[in-house]
Protein backbone atom coordinates (compact mmCIF):
# COMPACT_ATOMS: atom_id res chain seq x y z
CA UNK A 1 0.03 -0.06 0.11
CA UNK A 2 1.72 3.14 -0.73
CA UNK A 3 1.50 6.31 1.32
CA UNK A 4 -1.02 9.03 0.98
CA UNK A 5 1.82 11.40 -0.42
CA UNK A 6 3.03 8.98 -2.74
CA UNK A 7 -0.12 8.82 -4.55
CA UNK A 8 0.04 11.33 -7.43
CA UNK A 9 -2.26 14.42 -7.14
CA UNK A 10 -5.69 13.77 -8.74
CA UNK A 11 -6.07 10.05 -8.03
CA UNK A 12 -8.02 8.39 -5.17
CA UNK A 13 -6.03 8.41 -2.02
CA UNK A 14 -4.08 11.61 -2.84
CA UNK A 15 -3.28 14.20 -0.52
CA UNK A 16 -5.53 17.41 -0.98
CA UNK A 17 -3.30 20.42 -2.01
CA UNK A 18 -3.98 22.11 1.31
CA UNK A 19 -3.36 19.32 3.53
CA UNK A 20 0.37 18.89 1.87
CA UNK A 21 0.69 22.66 2.46
CA UNK A 22 -0.12 22.39 6.05
CA UNK A 23 2.29 19.21 6.34
CA UNK A 24 4.87 21.17 4.77
CA UNK A 25 4.21 24.07 7.17
CA UNK A 26 4.98 21.44 9.86
CA UNK A 27 7.92 20.10 8.24
CA UNK A 28 9.30 20.76 4.99
CA UNK A 29 11.03 17.54 4.94
CA UNK A 30 7.76 15.33 6.18
CA UNK A 31 8.11 13.31 2.64
CA UNK A 32 11.55 13.45 1.39
CA UNK A 33 12.79 11.63 -2.23
CA UNK A 34 15.36 9.70 -0.23
CA UNK A 35 14.62 6.31 2.27
CA UNK A 36 12.82 7.25 5.04
CA UNK A 37 15.56 5.27 6.85
CA UNK A 38 17.95 7.82 6.34
CA UNK A 39 15.55 10.76 7.22
CA UNK A 40 15.29 9.09 10.73
CA UNK A 41 19.06 8.48 10.89
CA UNK A 42 19.38 12.75 9.93
CA UNK A 43 16.47 13.51 12.77
CA UNK A 44 18.58 11.62 15.48
CA UNK A 45 21.87 13.11 14.33
CA UNK A 46 20.06 16.79 14.58
CA UNK A 47 18.73 16.18 17.73
CA UNK A 48 22.75 15.22 19.10
CA UNK A 49 23.67 18.44 17.40
CA UNK A 50 20.29 20.59 18.88
CA UNK A 51 21.24 18.85 22.30
CA UNK A 52 25.14 19.98 21.98
CA UNK A 53 23.91 23.42 21.15
CA UNK A 54 25.93 22.71 18.11
CA UNK A 55 29.06 21.75 19.48
CA UNK A 56 29.27 18.52 17.92
CA UNK A 57 32.41 17.74 16.39
CA UNK A 58 31.64 14.82 13.67
CA UNK A 59 35.00 14.15 12.64
CA UNK A 60 35.86 12.83 15.98
CA UNK A 61 32.93 11.24 16.65
CA UNK A 62 33.85 7.33 17.11
CA UNK A 63 31.87 5.01 14.64
CA UNK A 64 30.49 3.23 17.55
CA UNK A 65 28.80 5.84 19.05
CA UNK A 66 25.00 5.36 19.95
CA UNK A 67 22.75 7.88 20.07
CA UNK A 68 18.75 7.78 20.82
CA UNK A 69 19.17 4.06 19.69
CA UNK A 70 20.80 4.38 16.46
CA UNK A 71 24.57 3.64 15.41
CA UNK A 72 24.89 7.61 15.01
CA UNK A 73 28.80 6.73 14.37
CA UNK A 74 28.30 4.67 11.41
CA UNK A 75 25.79 6.76 10.01
CA UNK A 76 27.73 9.38 10.18
CA UNK A 77 30.82 8.04 8.55
CA UNK A 78 28.39 6.72 6.10
CA UNK A 79 27.07 10.21 5.31
CA UNK A 80 30.92 11.62 5.12
CA UNK A 81 31.91 8.87 3.01
CA UNK A 82 28.90 8.96 0.50
CA UNK A 83 28.61 12.90 0.24
CA UNK A 84 28.57 12.85 -3.98
CA UNK A 85 26.32 10.49 -3.83
CA UNK A 86 23.76 12.09 -1.97
CA UNK A 87 20.97 14.43 -3.14
CA UNK A 88 21.93 18.34 -3.22
CA UNK A 89 19.18 18.64 -0.38
CA UNK A 90 20.76 16.00 1.80
CA UNK A 91 24.04 17.51 1.60
CA UNK A 92 22.66 20.68 2.35
CA UNK A 93 20.71 19.41 5.28
CA UNK A 94 23.80 17.88 6.62
CA UNK A 95 25.86 20.68 6.29
CA UNK A 96 23.29 22.83 8.15
CA UNK A 97 24.43 20.55 11.48
CA UNK A 98 27.72 20.90 10.62
CA UNK A 99 28.72 17.06 9.04
CA UNK A 100 30.59 17.66 6.01
CA UNK A 101 32.38 15.76 3.42
CA UNK A 102 35.16 13.78 4.29
CA UNK A 103 37.86 13.74 0.99
CA UNK A 104 39.80 10.55 2.47
CA UNK A 105 36.48 8.54 3.56
CA UNK A 106 35.11 9.23 -0.12
CA UNK A 107 38.58 8.40 -1.94
CA UNK A 108 38.50 4.54 0.59
CA UNK A 109 35.34 4.43 -0.92
CA UNK A 110 35.75 5.14 -4.11
CA UNK A 111 39.14 2.74 -4.19
CA UNK A 112 37.04 0.05 -2.64
CA UNK A 113 34.47 -0.08 -4.82
CA UNK A 114 36.74 0.42 -8.09
CA UNK A 115 38.48 -2.70 -6.89
CA UNK A 116 38.54 -5.53 -9.24
CA UNK A 117 36.00 -8.24 -8.22
CA UNK A 118 38.32 -11.44 -8.75
CA UNK A 119 36.67 -14.55 -10.06
CA UNK A 120 36.00 -17.84 -8.21
CA UNK A 121 38.80 -19.56 -10.83
CA UNK A 122 41.14 -16.63 -10.33
CA UNK A 123 40.75 -17.06 -6.68
CA UNK A 124 41.44 -20.91 -6.67
CA UNK A 125 44.34 -20.55 -8.71
CA UNK A 126 45.86 -17.98 -6.39
CA UNK A 127 45.28 -20.18 -3.59
CA UNK A 128 46.49 -23.42 -5.41
CA UNK A 129 49.56 -21.35 -6.40
CA UNK A 130 49.83 -20.60 -2.41
CA UNK A 131 49.64 -24.16 -1.65
CA UNK A 132 52.03 -25.32 -4.07
CA UNK A 133 54.48 -23.04 -2.67
CA UNK A 134 53.53 -24.15 0.87
CA UNK A 135 53.99 -28.06 0.12
CA UNK A 136 57.36 -26.82 -1.41
CA UNK A 137 58.43 -25.18 1.17
CA UNK A 138 57.73 -27.53 3.99
CA UNK A 139 56.97 -31.10 2.59
CA UNK A 140 53.44 -31.05 3.35
CA UNK A 141 49.92 -29.64 2.50
CA UNK A 142 48.91 -29.79 6.40
CA UNK A 143 48.23 -25.50 6.34
CA UNK A 144 47.38 -24.54 9.81
CA UNK A 145 43.96 -22.76 9.57
CA UNK A 146 45.29 -19.10 10.74
CA UNK A 147 48.83 -19.27 8.23
CA UNK A 148 48.59 -16.50 5.67
CA UNK A 149 51.31 -15.92 2.93
CA UNK A 150 53.84 -13.02 2.64
CA UNK A 151 51.39 -12.34 0.00
CA UNK A 152 48.80 -12.24 2.65
CA UNK A 153 46.90 -14.95 1.14
CA UNK A 154 45.11 -16.38 4.13
CA UNK A 155 45.81 -20.11 3.28
CA UNK A 156 44.59 -21.57 6.02
CA UNK A 157 41.20 -20.71 5.63
CA UNK A 158 41.14 -20.85 1.84
CA UNK A 159 42.19 -24.29 2.24
CA UNK A 160 39.61 -25.12 5.28
CA UNK A 161 37.13 -23.48 2.90
CA UNK A 162 37.90 -25.38 -0.23
CA UNK A 163 37.85 -28.52 1.50
CA UNK A 164 34.17 -27.45 3.30
CA UNK A 165 33.37 -26.69 -0.44
CA UNK A 166 34.49 -29.86 -1.94
CA UNK A 167 31.50 -30.77 -3.92
CA UNK A 168 31.68 -27.73 -5.76
CA UNK A 169 35.21 -28.29 -7.48
CA UNK A 170 35.54 -29.39 -10.75
CA UNK A 171 37.20 -32.82 -11.41
CA UNK A 172 40.55 -30.77 -12.57
CA UNK A 173 40.69 -28.76 -9.50
CA UNK A 174 40.25 -32.00 -7.12
CA UNK A 175 43.17 -33.34 -9.57
CA UNK A 176 45.28 -30.32 -8.76
CA UNK A 177 44.59 -30.75 -5.15
CA UNK A 178 45.59 -34.36 -4.94
CA UNK A 179 48.63 -33.90 -6.82
CA UNK A 180 49.82 -31.47 -4.06
CA UNK A 181 48.65 -34.19 -1.26
CA UNK A 182 45.68 -32.67 -0.13
CA UNK A 183 43.79 -35.62 1.68
CA UNK A 184 40.14 -35.49 1.88
């Protein structure tokens, strides 16, 4: 069921122009274009700002800060990192209470999103190569669960997960693992 605010004017269930104006007088943001969850979190941030007489240093707000039951620290950090993707009105609302873009967080988010996705086949090949190097160095394929290679490959976890997902491996992959001495 759509809210009356979402029903186009003239259709059954739509708000009358008078009612819409009355609501906008009470709160110009009563029916935002963005998700209501965002608006609720913004209202919580604004309340924190008001209760502190506008003296909140959002740049130093710990990410684990909870206020009025909302994970305010996480939300503020997410807004500062997602600044370019916010609506202009959202940015205006945030700026009005002192929350601003963080270029470092934005850059980190862009870099994380730009990171190429590695296919399952490529991940297997990477793990297999690391396992082959481990076997050559240690003489066996019994990799401790917490073992990581110098390149940062979590080889122990990879091997454990690979064994757990044995049914999804191809015959060729199973053969490659068996050739390295992996016991099932």
